[in-house]
All heavy atoms as atom14 arrays in JSON, in Angstrom:
{
  "sequence": "AGHKFYGPKGIGALYIRKGIKIENLIHGGGQERNKRA",
  "atom14_mask": [
    [1, 1, 1, 1, 1, 0, 0, 0, 0, 0, 0, 0, 0, 0],
    [1, 1, 1, 1, 0, 0, 0, 0, 0, 0, 0, 0, 0, 0],
    [1, 1, 1, 1, 1, 1, 1, 1, 1, 1, 0, 0, 0, 0],
    [1, 1, 1, 1, 1, 1, 1, 1, 1, 0, 0, 0, 0, 0],
    [1, 1, 1, 1, 1, 1, 1, 1, 1, 1, 1, 0, 0, 0],
    [1, 1, 1, 1, 1, 1, 1, 1, 1, 1, 1, 1, 0, 0],
    [1, 1, 1, 1, 0, 0, 0, 0, 0, 0, 0, 0, 0, 0],
    [1, 1, 1, 1, 1, 1, 1, 0, 0, 0, 0, 0, 0, 0],
    [1, 1, 1, 1, 1, 1, 1, 1, 1, 0, 0, 0, 0, 0],
    [1, 1, 1, 1, 0, 0, 0, 0, 0, 0, 0, 0, 0, 0],
    [1, 1, 1, 1, 1, 1, 1, 1, 0, 0, 0, 0, 0, 0],
    [1, 1, 1, 1, 0, 0, 0, 0, 0, 0, 0, 0, 0, 0],
    [1, 1, 1, 1, 1, 0, 0, 0, 0, 0, 0, 0, 0, 0],
    [1, 1, 1, 1, 1, 1, 1, 1, 0, 0, 0, 0, 0, 0],
    [1, 1, 1, 1, 1, 1, 1, 1, 1, 1, 1, 1, 0, 0],
    [1, 1, 1, 1, 1, 1, 1, 1, 0, 0, 0, 0, 0, 0],
    [1, 1, 1, 1, 1, 1, 1, 1, 1, 1, 1, 0, 0, 0],
    [1, 1, 1, 1, 1, 1, 1, 1, 1, 0, 0, 0, 0, 0],
    [1, 1, 1, 1, 0, 0, 0, 0, 0, 0, 0, 0, 0, 0],
    [1, 1, 1, 1, 1, 1, 1, 1, 0, 0, 0, 0, 0, 0],
    [1, 1, 1, 1, 1, 1, 1, 1, 1, 0, 0, 0, 0, 0],
    [1, 1, 1, 1, 1, 1, 1, 1, 0, 0, 0, 0, 0, 0],
    [1, 1, 1, 1, 1, 1, 1, 1, 1, 0, 0, 0, 0, 0],
    [1, 1, 1, 1, 1, 1, 1, 1, 0, 0, 0, 0, 0, 0],
    [1, 1, 1, 1, 1, 1, 1, 1, 0, 0, 0, 0, 0, 0],
    [1, 1, 1, 1, 1, 1, 1, 1, 0, 0, 0, 0, 0, 0],
    [1, 1, 1, 1, 1, 1, 1, 1, 1, 1, 0, 0, 0, 0],
    [1, 1, 1, 1, 0, 0, 0, 0, 0, 0, 0, 0, 0, 0],
    [1, 1, 1, 1, 0, 0, 0, 0, 0, 0, 0, 0, 0, 0],
    [1, 1, 1, 1, 0, 0, 0, 0, 0, 0, 0, 0, 0, 0],
    [1, 1, 1, 1, 1, 1, 1, 1, 1, 0, 0, 0, 0, 0],
    [1, 1, 1, 1, 1, 1, 1, 1, 1, 0, 0, 0, 0, 0],
    [1, 1, 1, 1, 1, 1, 1, 1, 1, 1, 1, 0, 0, 0],
    [1, 1, 1, 1, 1, 1, 1, 1, 0, 0, 0, 0, 0, 0],
    [1, 1, 1, 1, 1, 1, 1, 1, 1, 0, 0, 0, 0, 0],
    [1, 1, 1, 1, 1, 1, 1, 1, 1, 1, 1, 0, 0, 0],
    [1, 1, 1, 1, 1, 0, 0, 0, 0, 0, 0, 0, 0, 0]
  ],
  "atom14_positions": [
    [[49.05, -0.79, -20.12], [49.35, 0.65, -20.27], [50.42, 0.86, -21.32], [51.46, 0.2, -21.31], [49.81, 1.23, -18.93], [0.0, 0.0, 0.0], [0.0, 0.0, 0.0], [0.0, 0.0, 0.0], [0.0, 0.0, 0.0], [0.0, 0.0, 0.0], [0.0, 0.0, 0.0], [0.0, 0.0, 0.0], [0.0, 0.0, 0.0], [0.0, 0.0, 0.0]],
    [[50.19, 1.83, -22.21], [51.06, 2.06, -23.36], [52.48, 2.49, -23.02], [53.43, 2.1, -23.7], [0.0, 0.0, 0.0], [0.0, 0.0, 0.0], [0.0, 0.0, 0.0], [0.0, 0.0, 0.0], [0.0, 0.0, 0.0], [0.0, 0.0, 0.0], [0.0, 0.0, 0.0], [0.0, 0.0, 0.0], [0.0, 0.0, 0.0], [0.0, 0.0, 0.0]],
    [[52.64, 3.27, -21.96], [53.97, 3.85, -21.71], [54.97, 2.86, -21.12], [56.13, 3.2, -20.94], [53.85, 5.1, -20.82], [53.53, 4.81, -19.39], [54.46, 4.91, -18.39], [52.38, 4.43, -18.79], [53.89, 4.6, -17.22], [52.63, 4.31, -17.44], [0.0, 0.0, 0.0], [0.0, 0.0, 0.0], [0.0, 0.0, 0.0], [0.0, 0.0, 0.0]],
    [[54.53, 1.65, -20.86], [55.47, 0.63, -20.36], [56.17, -0.12, -21.49], [57.11, -0.86, -21.25], [54.74, -0.39, -19.47], [54.02, 0.21, -18.27], [54.94, 0.81, -17.25], [54.15, 1.2, -16.0], [54.97, 1.87, -15.01], [0.0, 0.0, 0.0], [0.0, 0.0, 0.0], [0.0, 0.0, 0.0], [0.0, 0.0, 0.0], [0.0, 0.0, 0.0]],
    [[55.67, 0.04, -22.72], [56.32, -0.66, -23.85], [56.58, 0.29, -25.02], [56.31, -0.01, -26.16], [55.53, -1.9, -24.29], [54.03, -1.71, -24.41], [53.48, -1.07, -25.51], [53.17, -2.18, -23.42], [52.11, -0.9, -25.64], [51.8, -2.01, -23.53], [51.27, -1.37, -24.65], [0.0, 0.0, 0.0], [0.0, 0.0, 0.0], [0.0, 0.0, 0.0]],
    [[57.11, 1.47, -24.68], [57.58, 2.45, -25.69], [56.44, 3.08, -26.48], [56.62, 3.51, -27.61], [58.63, 1.81, -26.62], [59.73, 1.13, -25.82], [59.65, -0.23, -25.52], [60.8, 1.86, -25.32], [60.62, -0.85, -24.75], [61.78, 1.25, -24.55], [61.68, -0.1, -24.26], [62.64, -0.7, -23.48], [0.0, 0.0, 0.0], [0.0, 0.0, 0.0]],
    [[55.27, 3.15, -25.84], [54.14, 3.89, -26.39], [53.95, 5.16, -25.58], [54.7, 5.44, -24.63], [0.0, 0.0, 0.0], [0.0, 0.0, 0.0], [0.0, 0.0, 0.0], [0.0, 0.0, 0.0], [0.0, 0.0, 0.0], [0.0, 0.0, 0.0], [0.0, 0.0, 0.0], [0.0, 0.0, 0.0], [0.0, 0.0, 0.0], [0.0, 0.0, 0.0]],
    [[52.92, 5.96, -25.93], [52.71, 7.22, -25.21], [52.1, 7.02, -23.82], [51.51, 5.98, -23.54], [51.73, 7.96, -26.12], [51.02, 6.89, -26.89], [51.99, 5.75, -27.04], [0.0, 0.0, 0.0], [0.0, 0.0, 0.0], [0.0, 0.0, 0.0], [0.0, 0.0, 0.0], [0.0, 0.0, 0.0], [0.0, 0.0, 0.0], [0.0, 0.0, 0.0]],
    [[52.25, 8.02, -22.98], [51.59, 8.03, -21.68], [50.12, 8.45, -21.88], [49.78, 9.02, -22.9], [52.29, 9.01, -20.73], [53.7, 8.58, -20.38], [54.47, 9.69, -19.68], [55.9, 9.27, -19.39], [56.7, 8.97, -20.61], [0.0, 0.0, 0.0], [0.0, 0.0, 0.0], [0.0, 0.0, 0.0], [0.0, 0.0, 0.0], [0.0, 0.0, 0.0]],
    [[49.29, 8.17, -20.89], [47.9, 8.62, -20.96], [46.99, 7.73, -21.79], [45.87, 8.1, -22.11], [0.0, 0.0, 0.0], [0.0, 0.0, 0.0], [0.0, 0.0, 0.0], [0.0, 0.0, 0.0], [0.0, 0.0, 0.0], [0.0, 0.0, 0.0], [0.0, 0.0, 0.0], [0.0, 0.0, 0.0], [0.0, 0.0, 0.0], [0.0, 0.0, 0.0]],
    [[47.49, 6.54, -22.15], [46.65, 5.58, -22.89], [46.89, 4.18, -22.34], [48.03, 3.78, -22.08], [46.92, 5.63, -24.42], [45.97, 4.72, -25.21], [48.36, 5.27, -24.75], [44.62, 5.29, -25.47], [0.0, 0.0, 0.0], [0.0, 0.0, 0.0], [0.0, 0.0, 0.0], [0.0, 0.0, 0.0], [0.0, 0.0, 0.0], [0.0, 0.0, 0.0]],
    [[45.81, 3.45, -22.15], [45.88, 2.06, -21.71], [44.67, 1.35, -22.26], [43.94, 1.89, -23.09], [0.0, 0.0, 0.0], [0.0, 0.0, 0.0], [0.0, 0.0, 0.0], [0.0, 0.0, 0.0], [0.0, 0.0, 0.0], [0.0, 0.0, 0.0], [0.0, 0.0, 0.0], [0.0, 0.0, 0.0], [0.0, 0.0, 0.0], [0.0, 0.0, 0.0]],
    [[44.45, 0.14, -21.8], [43.27, -0.6, -22.25], [42.86, -1.6, -21.18], [43.68, -2.04, -20.37], [43.56, -1.32, -23.56], [0.0, 0.0, 0.0], [0.0, 0.0, 0.0], [0.0, 0.0, 0.0], [0.0, 0.0, 0.0], [0.0, 0.0, 0.0], [0.0, 0.0, 0.0], [0.0, 0.0, 0.0], [0.0, 0.0, 0.0], [0.0, 0.0, 0.0]],
    [[41.58, -1.93, -21.22], [41.06, -3.02, -20.41], [40.49, -4.06, -21.38], [39.65, -3.73, -22.21], [39.97, -2.53, -19.45], [39.36, -3.62, -18.54], [40.4, -4.21, -17.6], [38.19, -3.05, -17.72], [0.0, 0.0, 0.0], [0.0, 0.0, 0.0], [0.0, 0.0, 0.0], [0.0, 0.0, 0.0], [0.0, 0.0, 0.0], [0.0, 0.0, 0.0]],
    [[40.99, -5.27, -21.26], [40.39, -6.39, -21.99], [39.27, -6.94, -21.13], [39.46, -7.2, -19.93], [41.46, -7.47, -22.25], [40.89, -8.87, -22.4], [40.29, -9.28, -23.59], [40.93, -9.79, -21.34], [39.76, -10.56, -23.72], [40.41, -11.06, -21.46], [39.81, -11.44, -22.65], [39.29, -12.7, -22.78], [0.0, 0.0, 0.0], [0.0, 0.0, 0.0]],
    [[38.08, -7.07, -21.72], [36.93, -7.64, -21.01], [36.41, -8.79, -21.87], [35.94, -8.58, -22.99], [35.8, -6.6, -20.81], [36.33, -5.33, -20.12], [34.65, -7.2, -20.0], [35.37, -4.15, -20.12], [0.0, 0.0, 0.0], [0.0, 0.0, 0.0], [0.0, 0.0, 0.0], [0.0, 0.0, 0.0], [0.0, 0.0, 0.0], [0.0, 0.0, 0.0]],
    [[36.51, -9.99, -21.35], [36.08, -11.16, -22.13], [34.6, -11.05, -22.49], [33.78, -10.6, -21.69], [36.33, -12.45, -21.33], [36.09, -13.73, -22.15], [36.61, -14.96, -21.42], [35.95, -15.19, -20.15], [34.76, -15.79, -20.01], [34.09, -16.23, -21.05], [34.25, -15.97, -18.8], [0.0, 0.0, 0.0], [0.0, 0.0, 0.0], [0.0, 0.0, 0.0]],
    [[34.31, -11.45, -23.72], [32.93, -11.39, -24.23], [31.96, -12.04, -23.26], [32.23, -13.11, -22.73], [32.85, -12.11, -25.58], [32.65, -11.18, -26.77], [32.18, -11.88, -28.02], [33.17, -12.79, -28.63], [34.29, -12.24, -29.34], [0.0, 0.0, 0.0], [0.0, 0.0, 0.0], [0.0, 0.0, 0.0], [0.0, 0.0, 0.0], [0.0, 0.0, 0.0]],
    [[30.83, -11.39, -23.03], [29.79, -11.99, -22.2], [29.86, -11.61, -20.74], [28.96, -11.93, -19.96], [0.0, 0.0, 0.0], [0.0, 0.0, 0.0], [0.0, 0.0, 0.0], [0.0, 0.0, 0.0], [0.0, 0.0, 0.0], [0.0, 0.0, 0.0], [0.0, 0.0, 0.0], [0.0, 0.0, 0.0], [0.0, 0.0, 0.0], [0.0, 0.0, 0.0]],
    [[30.93, -10.89, -20.34], [31.03, -10.48, -18.93], [30.32, -9.15, -18.75], [30.54, -8.21, -19.5], [32.51, -10.38, -18.51], [33.1, -11.78, -18.42], [32.67, -9.64, -17.17], [34.58, -11.82, -18.18], [0.0, 0.0, 0.0], [0.0, 0.0, 0.0], [0.0, 0.0, 0.0], [0.0, 0.0, 0.0], [0.0, 0.0, 0.0], [0.0, 0.0, 0.0]],
    [[29.46, -9.07, -17.75], [28.8, -7.78, -17.53], [29.64, -6.97, -16.56], [30.2, -7.48, -15.6], [27.34, -7.97, -17.09], [27.11, -8.64, -15.79], [25.62, -8.64, -15.45], [25.49, -8.96, -14.0], [24.56, -9.76, -13.45], [0.0, 0.0, 0.0], [0.0, 0.0, 0.0], [0.0, 0.0, 0.0], [0.0, 0.0, 0.0], [0.0, 0.0, 0.0]],
    [[29.71, -5.69, -16.87], [30.54, -4.79, -16.06], [29.9, -3.41, -16.07], [29.38, -2.97, -17.09], [32.0, -4.74, -16.6], [32.93, -3.95, -15.67], [32.07, -4.21, -18.03], [34.41, -4.15, -15.95], [0.0, 0.0, 0.0], [0.0, 0.0, 0.0], [0.0, 0.0, 0.0], [0.0, 0.0, 0.0], [0.0, 0.0, 0.0], [0.0, 0.0, 0.0]],
    [[29.87, -2.77, -14.92], [29.32, -1.41, -14.84], [30.37, -0.42, -15.37], [31.56, -0.66, -15.24], [28.99, -1.06, -13.38], [27.86, -1.88, -12.78], [26.48, -1.45, -13.26], [26.32, -0.25, -13.59], [25.59, -2.31, -13.31], [0.0, 0.0, 0.0], [0.0, 0.0, 0.0], [0.0, 0.0, 0.0], [0.0, 0.0, 0.0], [0.0, 0.0, 0.0]],
    [[29.89, 0.69, -15.9], [30.82, 1.73, -16.38], [31.47, 2.45, -15.21], [30.86, 2.63, -14.15], [30.08, 2.74, -17.25], [29.72, 2.16, -18.61], [29.94, 0.98, -18.86], [29.16, 2.97, -19.47], [0.0, 0.0, 0.0], [0.0, 0.0, 0.0], [0.0, 0.0, 0.0], [0.0, 0.0, 0.0], [0.0, 0.0, 0.0], [0.0, 0.0, 0.0]],
    [[32.69, 2.9, -15.44], [33.38, 3.75, -14.46], [33.19, 5.21, -14.83], [32.98, 6.06, -13.98], [34.88, 3.39, -14.45], [35.75, 4.15, -13.45], [35.43, 3.72, -12.02], [37.24, 3.92, -13.74], [0.0, 0.0, 0.0], [0.0, 0.0, 0.0], [0.0, 0.0, 0.0], [0.0, 0.0, 0.0], [0.0, 0.0, 0.0], [0.0, 0.0, 0.0]],
    [[33.27, 5.49, -16.14], [33.14, 6.88, -16.62], [31.86, 7.0, -17.45], [31.7, 6.28, -18.45], [34.39, 7.28, -17.44], [35.6, 7.27, -16.51], [34.21, 8.65, -18.09], [36.9, 7.61, -17.15], [0.0, 0.0, 0.0], [0.0, 0.0, 0.0], [0.0, 0.0, 0.0], [0.0, 0.0, 0.0], [0.0, 0.0, 0.0], [0.0, 0.0, 0.0]],
    [[31.0, 7.9, -17.02], [29.69, 8.07, -17.69], [29.7, 9.31, -18.56], [30.38, 10.3, -18.27], [28.58, 8.17, -16.64], [28.53, 6.98, -15.73], [27.84, 5.85, -16.03], [29.13, 6.76, -14.54], [28.0, 4.96, -15.06], [28.79, 5.49, -14.14], [0.0, 0.0, 0.0], [0.0, 0.0, 0.0], [0.0, 0.0, 0.0], [0.0, 0.0, 0.0]],
    [[28.95, 9.25, -19.65], [28.89, 10.39, -20.57], [28.38, 9.93, -21.92], [27.32, 9.31, -22.02], [0.0, 0.0, 0.0], [0.0, 0.0, 0.0], [0.0, 0.0, 0.0], [0.0, 0.0, 0.0], [0.0, 0.0, 0.0], [0.0, 0.0, 0.0], [0.0, 0.0, 0.0], [0.0, 0.0, 0.0], [0.0, 0.0, 0.0], [0.0, 0.0, 0.0]],
    [[29.18, 10.19, -22.96], [28.78, 9.8, -24.33], [28.89, 8.3, -24.55], [29.21, 7.53, -23.66], [0.0, 0.0, 0.0], [0.0, 0.0, 0.0], [0.0, 0.0, 0.0], [0.0, 0.0, 0.0], [0.0, 0.0, 0.0], [0.0, 0.0, 0.0], [0.0, 0.0, 0.0], [0.0, 0.0, 0.0], [0.0, 0.0, 0.0], [0.0, 0.0, 0.0]],
    [[28.62, 7.9, -25.8], [28.54, 6.47, -26.11], [29.81, 5.87, -26.68], [29.76, 4.81, -27.32], [0.0, 0.0, 0.0], [0.0, 0.0, 0.0], [0.0, 0.0, 0.0], [0.0, 0.0, 0.0], [0.0, 0.0, 0.0], [0.0, 0.0, 0.0], [0.0, 0.0, 0.0], [0.0, 0.0, 0.0], [0.0, 0.0, 0.0], [0.0, 0.0, 0.0]],
    [[30.95, 6.49, -26.43], [32.2, 5.97, -27.0], [32.55, 4.59, -26.44], [32.02, 4.17, -25.41], [33.37, 6.94, -26.72], [33.28, 8.26, -27.46], [32.52, 9.32, -26.69], [31.9, 9.05, -25.66], [32.57, 10.55, -27.19], [0.0, 0.0, 0.0], [0.0, 0.0, 0.0], [0.0, 0.0, 0.0], [0.0, 0.0, 0.0], [0.0, 0.0, 0.0]],
    [[33.48, 3.94, -27.11], [33.92, 2.59, -26.72], [32.72, 1.66, -26.51], [32.59, 1.0, -25.49], [34.81, 2.63, -25.46], [36.15, 3.31, -25.67], [37.02, 2.62, -26.71], [37.54, 1.54, -26.44], [37.15, 3.17, -27.83], [0.0, 0.0, 0.0], [0.0, 0.0, 0.0], [0.0, 0.0, 0.0], [0.0, 0.0, 0.0], [0.0, 0.0, 0.0]],
    [[31.85, 1.65, -27.52], [30.64, 0.82, -27.51], [29.84, 0.99, -26.21], [29.48, 0.02, -25.54], [31.01, -0.65, -27.77], [31.7, -0.81, -29.13], [32.01, -2.2, -29.53], [32.89, -2.95, -28.65], [34.16, -2.65, -28.43], [34.72, -1.59, -29.01], [34.9, -3.39, -27.64], [0.0, 0.0, 0.0], [0.0, 0.0, 0.0], [0.0, 0.0, 0.0]],
    [[29.64, 2.26, -25.85], [28.85, 2.66, -24.67], [29.44, 2.21, -23.33], [28.77, 2.22, -22.31], [27.4, 2.11, -24.75], [26.62, 2.82, -25.82], [26.64, 4.04, -25.9], [25.97, 2.05, -26.68], [0.0, 0.0, 0.0], [0.0, 0.0, 0.0], [0.0, 0.0, 0.0], [0.0, 0.0, 0.0], [0.0, 0.0, 0.0], [0.0, 0.0, 0.0]],
    [[30.73, 1.87, -23.35], [31.34, 1.37, -22.1], [32.25, 2.39, -21.43], [32.49, 2.33, -20.23], [32.18, 0.12, -22.4], [31.37, -1.14, -22.71], [31.22, -2.01, -21.48], [30.84, -3.43, -21.77], [29.44, -3.63, -22.07], [0.0, 0.0, 0.0], [0.0, 0.0, 0.0], [0.0, 0.0, 0.0], [0.0, 0.0, 0.0], [0.0, 0.0, 0.0]],
    [[32.82, 3.33, -22.21], [33.77, 4.27, -21.62], [33.64, 5.61, -22.33], [34.08, 5.77, -23.46], [35.19, 3.71, -21.74], [36.2, 4.33, -20.79], [36.87, 5.53, -21.41], [37.97, 6.02, -20.62], [38.61, 7.15, -20.89], [38.27, 7.9, -21.94], [39.59, 7.55, -20.12], [0.0, 0.0, 0.0], [0.0, 0.0, 0.0], [0.0, 0.0, 0.0]],
    [[33.03, 6.57, -21.63], [32.73, 7.87, -22.24], [33.98, 8.73, -22.41], [34.97, 8.55, -21.7], [31.7, 8.6, -21.39], [0.0, 0.0, 0.0], [0.0, 0.0, 0.0], [0.0, 0.0, 0.0], [0.0, 0.0, 0.0], [0.0, 0.0, 0.0], [0.0, 0.0, 0.0], [0.0, 0.0, 0.0], [0.0, 0.0, 0.0], [0.0, 0.0, 0.0]]
  ]
}
């Protein structure tokens, strides 16, 4: 999460190792390579 190291609030990231299958949490458009709308 960005706000823990002097970045803005409301932004974070999930690292997903290549080749791991994972279902989407947020459905909608094709942003973030169709993984997070």
